[in-house]
C-alpha atoms as a PDB file:
ATOM      1  CA  MET A   1     -13.271   3.185  25.213  1.00  0.00           C
ATOM      2  CA  LYS A   2     -11.132   1.167  22.810  1.00  0.00           C
ATOM      3  CA  VAL A   3      -7.698   0.163  24.077  1.00  0.00           C
ATOM      4  CA  MET A   4      -5.119  -0.707  21.457  1.00  0.00           C
ATOM      5  CA  ILE A   5      -2.144  -2.841  22.478  1.00  0.00           C
ATOM      6  CA  ASN A   6       1.015  -2.051  20.576  1.00  0.00           C
ATOM      7  CA  GLN A   7       2.827  -5.370  20.405  1.00  0.00           C
ATOM      8  CA  ALA A   8       6.495  -5.815  19.545  1.00  0.00           C
ATOM      9  CA  VAL A   9       7.175  -8.604  17.048  1.00  0.00           C
ATOM     10  CA  ASN A  10      10.383 -10.322  15.966  1.00  0.00           C
ATOM     11  CA  LYS A  11      11.953  -9.961  12.522  1.00  0.00           C
ATOM     12  CA  ILE A  12      10.404 -13.179  11.187  1.00  0.00           C
ATOM     13  CA  ARG A  13       6.865 -12.071  12.052  1.00  0.00           C
ATOM     14  CA  ALA A  14       7.560  -8.507  10.854  1.00  0.00           C
ATOM     15  CA  ALA A  15       8.883  -9.847   7.536  1.00  0.00           C
ATOM     16  CA  ALA A  16       5.742 -11.956   7.119  1.00  0.00           C
ATOM     17  CA  ILE A  17       3.524  -8.920   7.763  1.00  0.00           C
ATOM     18  CA  LEU A  18       5.410  -6.833   5.196  1.00  0.00           C
ATOM     19  CA  GLY A  19       5.853  -9.642   2.679  1.00  0.00           C
ATOM     20  CA  VAL A  20       9.661  -9.513   2.575  1.00  0.00           C
ATOM     21  CA  ARG A  21      12.408 -11.931   3.583  1.00  0.00           C
ATOM     22  CA  PRO A  22      13.777 -11.788   7.163  1.00  0.00           C
ATOM     23  CA  ALA A  23      17.225 -10.995   5.716  1.00  0.00           C
ATOM     24  CA  THR A  24      15.759  -7.897   4.063  1.00  0.00           C
ATOM     25  CA  ILE A  25      14.241  -6.619   7.285  1.00  0.00           C
ATOM     26  CA  SER A  26      17.577  -7.172   9.067  1.00  0.00           C
ATOM     27  CA  ASP A  27      19.351  -4.794   6.672  1.00  0.00           C
ATOM     28  CA  PRO A  28      19.716  -1.365   8.341  1.00  0.00           C
ATOM     29  CA  ARG A  29      20.046   0.364   4.945  1.00  0.00           C
ATOM     30  CA  TRP A  30      16.694  -1.021   3.813  1.00  0.00           C
ATOM     31  CA  ARG A  31      15.031  -0.068   7.099  1.00  0.00           C
ATOM     32  CA  ARG A  32      16.396   3.469   6.828  1.00  0.00           C
ATOM     33  CA  ARG A  33      15.216   3.781   3.217  1.00  0.00           C
ATOM     34  CA  VAL A  34      11.633   2.758   4.030  1.00  0.00           C
ATOM     35  CA  GLY A  35      11.557   4.547   7.404  1.00  0.00           C
ATOM     36  CA  LEU A  36      11.134   1.527   9.684  1.00  0.00           C
ATOM     37  CA  ARG A  37      12.446   1.791  13.222  1.00  0.00           C
ATOM     38  CA  ALA A  38      13.679  -1.229  15.162  1.00  0.00           C
ATOM     39  CA  THR A  39      14.563  -1.791  18.795  1.00  0.00           C
ATOM     40  CA  LYS A  40      17.134  -4.285  20.004  1.00  0.00           C
ATOM     41  CA  VAL A  41      15.957  -6.367  22.940  1.00  0.00           C
ATOM     42  CA  GLY A  42      18.487  -8.885  24.220  1.00  0.00           C
ATOM     43  CA  GLY A  43      20.359  -8.768  20.917  1.00  0.00           C
ATOM     44  CA  CYS A  44      17.217  -9.423  18.841  1.00  0.00           C
ATOM     45  CA  LEU A  45      15.433  -6.908  16.627  1.00  0.00           C
ATOM     46  CA  ARG A  46      11.851  -6.048  17.569  1.00  0.00           C
ATOM     47  CA  PHE A  47       9.336  -4.018  15.568  1.00  0.00           C
ATOM     48  CA  LEU A  48       6.088  -2.416  16.707  1.00  0.00           C
ATOM     49  CA  GLU A  49       3.045  -3.754  14.887  1.00  0.00           C
ATOM     50  CA  SER A  50       1.563  -0.270  14.651  1.00  0.00           C
ATOM     51  CA  GLU A  51       4.657   0.976  12.789  1.00  0.00           C
ATOM     52  CA  LEU A  52       4.495  -2.000  10.416  1.00  0.00           C
ATOM     53  CA  ASN A  53       0.846  -1.196   9.683  1.00  0.00           C
ATOM     54  CA  GLU A  54       1.698   2.494   9.131  1.00  0.00           C
ATOM     55  CA  LEU A  55       4.424   1.469   6.676  1.00  0.00           C
ATOM     56  CA  LEU A  56       1.919  -0.637   4.756  1.00  0.00           C
ATOM     57  CA  GLU A  57      -0.583   2.233   4.680  1.00  0.00           C
ATOM     58  CA  ARG A  58       2.051   4.679   3.385  1.00  0.00           C
ATOM     59  CA  GLY A  59       2.935   2.252   0.596  1.00  0.00           C
ATOM     60  CA  LYS A  60      -0.590   1.807  -0.721  1.00  0.00           C
ATOM     61  CA  GLU A  61      -1.375   3.389  -4.053  1.00  0.00           C
ATOM     62  CA  LYS A  62      -4.526   5.409  -4.282  1.00  0.00           C
ATOM     63  CA  PHE A  63      -6.749   4.134  -7.064  1.00  0.00           C
ATOM     64  CA  ARG A  64      -9.692   6.087  -8.405  1.00  0.00           C
END
């Protein structure tokens, strides 16, 4: 049985995963446009790694 841990990462790590600047990932309009949810923990934004990976998968072009 494979157990997958869904880790929450900060905006700097999330930005690095997505290849954008941390200021971009902090913008609620950008997050809404791309469909990325964030959670505030102690005043800091946190993102689930699984949702970041899903966002990357949705953005891939299908080449033949």
